[in-house]
C-alpha cells in the first residue's frame, strides 16, 4: 500500500523503529535508525510478526499510529518508509 492507496477496512498503520546498528536492505530500500518503518496490519501483533519475518530480531520498538506525533517524527530525518 502506498501513500495514494487507502488501507482496507480493519487494517491499521503501525510504525517500527530500528536501533543504531540495525541496517536492512530489502527490495532496493534501505531501512535504518533514521527512518520510521511503516507496516499495515490488522493489529500490533500481526505488524510485529511481519517485521520479524523481514528483519528477524534486529529492530527496536513498535508503535500504533496514534502514538507517533510530530515531535517523535523529528527524530527520523528520512521520514516514513513502507515495508
N, C-alpha and C. Protein backbone atom coordinates (compact mmCIF):
# COMPACT_ATOMS: atom_id res chain seq x y z
N UNK A 1 0.83 -1.18 0.00
CA UNK A 1 0.00 0.00 0.00
C UNK A 1 0.87 1.24 0.00
N UNK A 2 0.69 2.06 -0.94
CA UNK A 2 1.44 3.30 -0.99
C UNK A 2 0.63 4.44 -0.40
N UNK A 3 1.20 5.62 -0.41
CA UNK A 3 0.51 6.76 0.20
C UNK A 3 -0.79 7.15 -0.50
N UNK A 4 -0.98 6.77 -1.78
CA UNK A 4 -2.19 7.12 -2.52
C UNK A 4 -3.27 6.06 -2.43
N UNK A 5 -3.01 4.98 -1.68
CA UNK A 5 -3.96 3.88 -1.58
C UNK A 5 -4.47 3.81 -0.14
N UNK A 6 -5.77 3.80 0.01
CA UNK A 6 -6.35 3.68 1.34
C UNK A 6 -6.24 2.22 1.80
N UNK A 7 -5.81 2.00 3.04
CA UNK A 7 -5.76 0.64 3.56
C UNK A 7 -7.15 0.03 3.62
N UNK A 8 -7.23 -1.29 3.59
CA UNK A 8 -8.50 -1.99 3.70
C UNK A 8 -9.11 -1.75 5.07
N UNK A 9 -10.42 -1.85 5.14
CA UNK A 9 -11.13 -1.70 6.41
C UNK A 9 -10.54 -2.67 7.44
N UNK A 10 -10.31 -2.19 8.64
CA UNK A 10 -9.75 -3.03 9.70
C UNK A 10 -8.24 -3.08 9.72
N UNK A 11 -7.60 -2.55 8.69
CA UNK A 11 -6.14 -2.53 8.63
C UNK A 11 -5.67 -1.20 9.20
N UNK A 12 -4.69 -1.28 10.09
CA UNK A 12 -4.18 -0.08 10.76
C UNK A 12 -2.72 0.14 10.39
N UNK A 13 -2.27 1.36 10.64
CA UNK A 13 -0.88 1.73 10.34
C UNK A 13 -0.07 1.66 11.63
N UNK A 14 1.07 0.97 11.55
CA UNK A 14 1.99 0.85 12.67
C UNK A 14 3.36 1.33 12.23
N UNK A 15 4.14 1.79 13.20
CA UNK A 15 5.50 2.24 12.94
C UNK A 15 6.47 1.37 13.71
N UNK A 16 7.60 1.08 13.08
CA UNK A 16 8.67 0.31 13.69
C UNK A 16 9.92 1.18 13.67
N UNK A 17 10.65 1.17 14.77
CA UNK A 17 11.92 1.89 14.81
C UNK A 17 13.07 0.88 14.84
N UNK A 18 14.21 1.34 14.39
CA UNK A 18 15.40 0.50 14.33
C UNK A 18 16.49 1.09 15.22
N UNK A 19 17.33 0.22 15.77
CA UNK A 19 18.42 0.67 16.62
C UNK A 19 19.61 1.16 15.81
N UNK A 20 20.59 1.71 16.51
CA UNK A 20 21.78 2.29 15.88
C UNK A 20 22.47 1.33 14.91
N UNK A 21 22.58 0.07 15.26
CA UNK A 21 23.29 -0.89 14.42
C UNK A 21 22.41 -1.69 13.48
N UNK A 22 21.13 -1.33 13.39
CA UNK A 22 20.20 -2.08 12.55
C UNK A 22 20.07 -1.42 11.19
N UNK A 23 20.66 -2.03 10.18
CA UNK A 23 20.54 -1.55 8.81
C UNK A 23 20.07 -2.73 7.96
N UNK A 24 18.97 -2.53 7.25
CA UNK A 24 18.40 -3.59 6.43
C UNK A 24 18.22 -3.08 5.01
N UNK A 25 18.55 -3.93 4.05
CA UNK A 25 18.31 -3.64 2.64
C UNK A 25 17.31 -4.66 2.13
N UNK A 26 16.13 -4.17 1.75
CA UNK A 26 15.05 -5.04 1.32
C UNK A 26 14.42 -4.46 0.06
N UNK A 27 14.43 -5.24 -1.01
CA UNK A 27 13.79 -4.82 -2.27
C UNK A 27 14.20 -3.42 -2.70
N UNK A 28 15.48 -3.13 -2.61
CA UNK A 28 16.00 -1.86 -3.06
C UNK A 28 15.83 -0.70 -2.09
N UNK A 29 15.22 -0.96 -0.95
CA UNK A 29 15.04 0.08 0.06
C UNK A 29 16.01 -0.15 1.21
N UNK A 30 16.48 0.93 1.81
CA UNK A 30 17.35 0.83 2.97
C UNK A 30 16.58 1.35 4.18
N UNK A 31 16.51 0.52 5.20
CA UNK A 31 15.86 0.85 6.45
C UNK A 31 16.94 0.96 7.52
N UNK A 32 16.91 2.06 8.27
CA UNK A 32 17.91 2.25 9.32
C UNK A 32 17.34 3.11 10.45
N UNK A 33 18.19 3.52 11.37
CA UNK A 33 17.79 4.29 12.55
C UNK A 33 17.17 5.63 12.21
N UNK A 34 17.36 6.12 11.00
CA UNK A 34 16.89 7.45 10.61
C UNK A 34 15.52 7.44 9.93
N UNK A 35 14.84 6.29 9.93
CA UNK A 35 13.52 6.24 9.31
C UNK A 35 12.52 5.54 10.23
N UNK A 36 11.26 5.83 9.99
CA UNK A 36 10.16 5.11 10.62
C UNK A 36 9.68 4.09 9.61
N UNK A 37 9.72 2.84 9.96
CA UNK A 37 9.25 1.77 9.07
C UNK A 37 7.73 1.67 9.24
N UNK A 38 7.01 1.75 8.13
CA UNK A 38 5.56 1.68 8.15
C UNK A 38 5.12 0.25 7.82
N UNK A 39 4.24 -0.28 8.66
CA UNK A 39 3.67 -1.61 8.43
C UNK A 39 2.16 -1.50 8.58
N UNK A 40 1.42 -1.99 7.60
CA UNK A 40 -0.04 -2.04 7.69
C UNK A 40 -0.44 -3.44 8.12
N UNK A 41 -1.28 -3.52 9.15
CA UNK A 41 -1.71 -4.82 9.67
C UNK A 41 -3.02 -4.64 10.44
N UNK A 42 -3.67 -5.76 10.72
CA UNK A 42 -4.93 -5.71 11.48
C UNK A 42 -4.71 -5.34 12.94
N UNK A 43 -3.56 -5.73 13.50
CA UNK A 43 -3.27 -5.41 14.89
C UNK A 43 -1.75 -5.36 15.09
N UNK A 44 -1.33 -4.90 16.26
CA UNK A 44 0.10 -4.73 16.51
C UNK A 44 0.85 -6.06 16.48
N UNK A 45 0.24 -7.12 16.96
CA UNK A 45 0.88 -8.44 16.92
C UNK A 45 1.18 -8.88 15.51
N UNK A 46 0.24 -8.66 14.60
CA UNK A 46 0.44 -9.01 13.19
C UNK A 46 1.52 -8.14 12.56
N UNK A 47 1.56 -6.87 12.94
CA UNK A 47 2.60 -5.97 12.41
C UNK A 47 3.97 -6.45 12.88
N UNK A 48 4.08 -6.78 14.15
CA UNK A 48 5.36 -7.24 14.70
C UNK A 48 5.79 -8.56 14.04
N UNK A 49 4.84 -9.44 13.78
CA UNK A 49 5.15 -10.71 13.12
C UNK A 49 5.73 -10.47 11.73
N UNK A 50 5.14 -9.53 11.00
CA UNK A 50 5.63 -9.18 9.66
C UNK A 50 7.07 -8.67 9.74
N UNK A 51 7.33 -7.82 10.73
CA UNK A 51 8.68 -7.28 10.91
C UNK A 51 9.67 -8.39 11.24
N UNK A 52 9.29 -9.31 12.11
CA UNK A 52 10.17 -10.45 12.43
C UNK A 52 10.49 -11.26 11.17
N UNK A 53 9.48 -11.44 10.30
CA UNK A 53 9.70 -12.20 9.07
C UNK A 53 10.73 -11.55 8.17
N UNK A 54 10.76 -10.22 8.16
CA UNK A 54 11.66 -9.50 7.26
C UNK A 54 12.99 -9.14 7.92
N UNK A 55 12.96 -8.64 9.15
CA UNK A 55 14.17 -8.14 9.83
C UNK A 55 14.73 -9.09 10.90
N UNK A 56 14.03 -10.18 11.18
CA UNK A 56 14.45 -11.00 12.32
C UNK A 56 14.25 -10.20 13.60
N UNK A 57 15.18 -10.35 14.53
CA UNK A 57 15.04 -9.60 15.78
C UNK A 57 15.87 -8.32 15.80
N UNK A 58 16.27 -7.85 14.65
CA UNK A 58 17.10 -6.64 14.53
C UNK A 58 16.25 -5.40 14.28
N UNK A 59 15.46 -5.03 15.27
CA UNK A 59 14.67 -3.81 15.26
C UNK A 59 14.43 -3.40 16.70
N UNK A 60 13.85 -2.24 16.92
CA UNK A 60 13.75 -1.73 18.28
C UNK A 60 12.32 -1.78 18.84
N UNK A 61 11.45 -0.87 18.42
CA UNK A 61 10.14 -0.73 19.03
C UNK A 61 9.04 -0.64 17.99
N UNK A 62 7.81 -0.96 18.41
CA UNK A 62 6.64 -0.80 17.55
C UNK A 62 5.69 0.19 18.20
N UNK A 63 5.01 0.95 17.35
CA UNK A 63 4.07 1.97 17.82
C UNK A 63 2.82 1.96 16.95
N UNK A 64 1.68 2.17 17.57
CA UNK A 64 0.45 2.40 16.82
C UNK A 64 0.52 3.83 16.26
N UNK A 65 -0.21 4.08 15.20
CA UNK A 65 -0.14 5.39 14.54
C UNK A 65 -0.42 6.55 15.51
N UNK A 66 -1.38 6.39 16.40
CA UNK A 66 -1.74 7.49 17.30
C UNK A 66 -0.63 7.81 18.32
N UNK A 67 0.35 6.94 18.48
CA UNK A 67 1.44 7.16 19.42
C UNK A 67 2.59 7.98 18.84
N UNK A 68 2.57 8.19 17.53
CA UNK A 68 3.67 8.88 16.86
C UNK A 68 3.22 10.30 16.51
N UNK A 69 3.77 11.26 17.23
CA UNK A 69 3.42 12.65 16.98
C UNK A 69 4.54 13.37 16.23
N UNK A 70 4.33 14.65 15.95
CA UNK A 70 5.30 15.40 15.16
C UNK A 70 6.64 15.52 15.89
N UNK A 71 6.63 15.61 17.19
CA UNK A 71 7.88 15.67 17.95
C UNK A 71 8.70 14.40 17.74
N UNK A 72 8.05 13.26 17.84
CA UNK A 72 8.75 11.99 17.63
C UNK A 72 9.25 11.87 16.19
N UNK A 73 8.44 12.28 15.24
CA UNK A 73 8.84 12.20 13.83
C UNK A 73 10.12 12.99 13.57
N UNK A 74 10.35 14.02 14.35
CA UNK A 74 11.54 14.84 14.19
C UNK A 74 12.85 14.08 14.41
N UNK A 75 12.78 12.96 15.09
CA UNK A 75 13.97 12.14 15.33
C UNK A 75 14.32 11.23 14.15
N UNK A 76 13.51 11.24 13.10
CA UNK A 76 13.69 10.36 11.96
C UNK A 76 13.78 11.17 10.67
N UNK A 77 14.98 11.70 10.39
CA UNK A 77 15.13 12.63 9.25
C UNK A 77 14.79 12.04 7.90
N UNK A 78 14.82 10.71 7.75
CA UNK A 78 14.48 10.10 6.45
C UNK A 78 12.99 9.87 6.32
N UNK A 79 12.23 10.15 7.36
CA UNK A 79 10.78 10.04 7.29
C UNK A 79 10.27 8.61 7.34
N UNK A 80 9.11 8.41 6.75
CA UNK A 80 8.45 7.11 6.74
C UNK A 80 8.84 6.32 5.49
N UNK A 81 9.12 5.04 5.68
CA UNK A 81 9.41 4.15 4.55
C UNK A 81 8.58 2.89 4.77
N UNK A 82 7.72 2.60 3.81
CA UNK A 82 6.82 1.45 3.93
C UNK A 82 7.59 0.14 3.73
N UNK A 83 7.25 -0.83 4.55
CA UNK A 83 7.86 -2.16 4.44
C UNK A 83 7.11 -2.95 3.39
